[in-house]
Amino acid sequence: MLRPDQEIWLLAHDYIISLKAQRILLLSQLTKKFDDLGPELEDEILGLSGQNIDRLALALLDMNTLDTLTSWLVKADPYFRRQAADHL
């Protein structure tokens, strides 16, 4: 039998593993759809919160260009917005 702190640790660990798997799957889908995302977009996608991963997974169905993806990321993540502005 596990102690409560061990149970919490296992639940957190499972959540982290699940979130990582979702990120990798989403990145694979986006790479298949848009070919080369580039390291900056890949890093941004891998750093998204669980909630934004779910949102992007649905939004990608309506995306047709890499610009659409970049625009979505700018709206979803204030940090990405600052990064994108630095590259303009």
Protein backbone atom coordinates (compact mmCIF):
# COMPACT_ATOMS: atom_id res chain seq x y z
CA MET A 1 0.00 0.00 0.00
CA LEU A 2 1.26 3.45 -0.89
CA ARG A 3 1.50 6.37 1.46
CA PRO A 4 -0.58 9.43 0.47
CA ASP A 5 2.55 11.37 -0.55
CA GLN A 6 3.59 8.49 -2.80
CA GLU A 7 0.14 8.40 -4.40
CA ILE A 8 0.30 12.12 -5.09
CA TRP A 9 3.76 11.75 -6.57
CA LEU A 10 2.58 8.93 -8.85
CA LEU A 11 -0.44 10.93 -10.01
CA ALA A 12 1.74 13.95 -10.75
CA HIS A 13 4.25 11.75 -12.56
CA ASP A 14 1.52 10.16 -14.69
CA TYR A 15 0.12 13.60 -15.53
CA ILE A 16 3.55 14.85 -16.60
CA ILE A 17 4.14 11.78 -18.77
CA SER A 18 0.70 12.13 -20.33
CA LEU A 19 1.24 15.83 -21.04
CA LYS A 20 4.62 15.11 -22.60
CA ALA A 21 3.03 12.45 -24.84
CA GLN A 22 0.32 14.93 -25.90
CA ARG A 23 2.95 17.53 -26.77
CA ILE A 24 4.95 15.04 -28.83
CA LEU A 25 1.84 13.81 -30.66
CA LEU A 26 0.74 17.38 -31.41
CA LEU A 27 4.22 18.28 -32.62
CA SER A 28 4.17 15.23 -34.92
CA GLN A 29 0.80 16.25 -36.33
CA LEU A 30 1.91 19.83 -36.94
CA THR A 31 5.16 18.67 -38.55
CA LYS A 32 3.22 16.37 -40.86
CA LYS A 33 0.83 19.17 -41.80
CA PHE A 34 3.38 21.99 -42.24
CA ASP A 35 6.62 20.05 -42.90
CA ASP A 36 9.45 21.87 -41.11
CA LEU A 37 8.35 23.96 -38.13
CA GLY A 38 11.82 25.09 -37.21
CA PRO A 39 13.38 24.88 -33.75
CA GLU A 40 11.75 28.04 -32.36
CA LEU A 41 8.19 26.88 -33.10
CA GLU A 42 8.98 23.36 -31.89
CA ASP A 43 10.30 24.74 -28.60
CA GLU A 44 7.25 26.95 -28.21
CA ILE A 45 4.86 24.05 -28.79
CA LEU A 46 6.75 21.79 -26.38
CA GLY A 47 6.47 24.53 -23.75
CA LEU A 48 2.71 25.05 -24.01
CA SER A 49 0.51 24.44 -20.99
CA GLY A 50 -1.79 21.42 -20.95
CA GLN A 51 -4.78 23.65 -21.60
CA ASN A 52 -3.13 25.27 -24.62
CA ILE A 53 -2.06 21.86 -25.94
CA ASP A 54 -5.73 20.82 -25.96
CA ARG A 55 -6.77 24.09 -27.61
CA LEU A 56 -4.09 23.87 -30.28
CA ALA A 57 -4.97 20.24 -31.02
CA LEU A 58 -8.46 21.40 -31.98
CA ALA A 59 -7.38 24.62 -33.67
CA LEU A 60 -4.90 22.83 -35.92
CA LEU A 61 -7.81 21.26 -37.77
CA ASP A 62 -8.67 24.70 -39.17
CA MET A 63 -5.11 25.83 -39.86
CA ASN A 64 -3.90 25.97 -43.43
CA THR A 65 -0.58 27.81 -43.19
CA LEU A 66 2.37 28.17 -40.87
CA ASP A 67 1.37 31.82 -40.45
CA THR A 68 -1.96 30.66 -39.01
CA LEU A 69 -0.08 28.56 -36.46
CA THR A 70 2.22 31.44 -35.56
CA SER A 71 -0.75 33.79 -35.16
CA TRP A 72 -2.46 31.28 -32.89
CA LEU A 73 0.66 30.97 -30.74
CA VAL A 74 0.97 34.76 -30.47
CA LYS A 75 -2.61 35.00 -29.19
CA ALA A 76 -2.28 32.03 -26.83
CA ASP A 77 1.07 32.77 -25.22
CA PRO A 78 2.23 36.25 -24.16
CA TYR A 79 5.85 35.04 -23.95
CA PHE A 80 5.74 33.92 -27.57
CA ARG A 81 4.29 37.30 -28.49
CA ARG A 82 7.38 39.00 -27.03
CA GLN A 83 9.68 36.54 -28.75
CA ALA A 84 7.96 37.03 -32.12
CA ALA A 85 8.21 40.82 -31.79
CA ASP A 86 11.95 40.51 -31.12
CA HIS A 87 12.39 38.73 -34.46
CA LEU A 88 10.53 41.31 -36.54
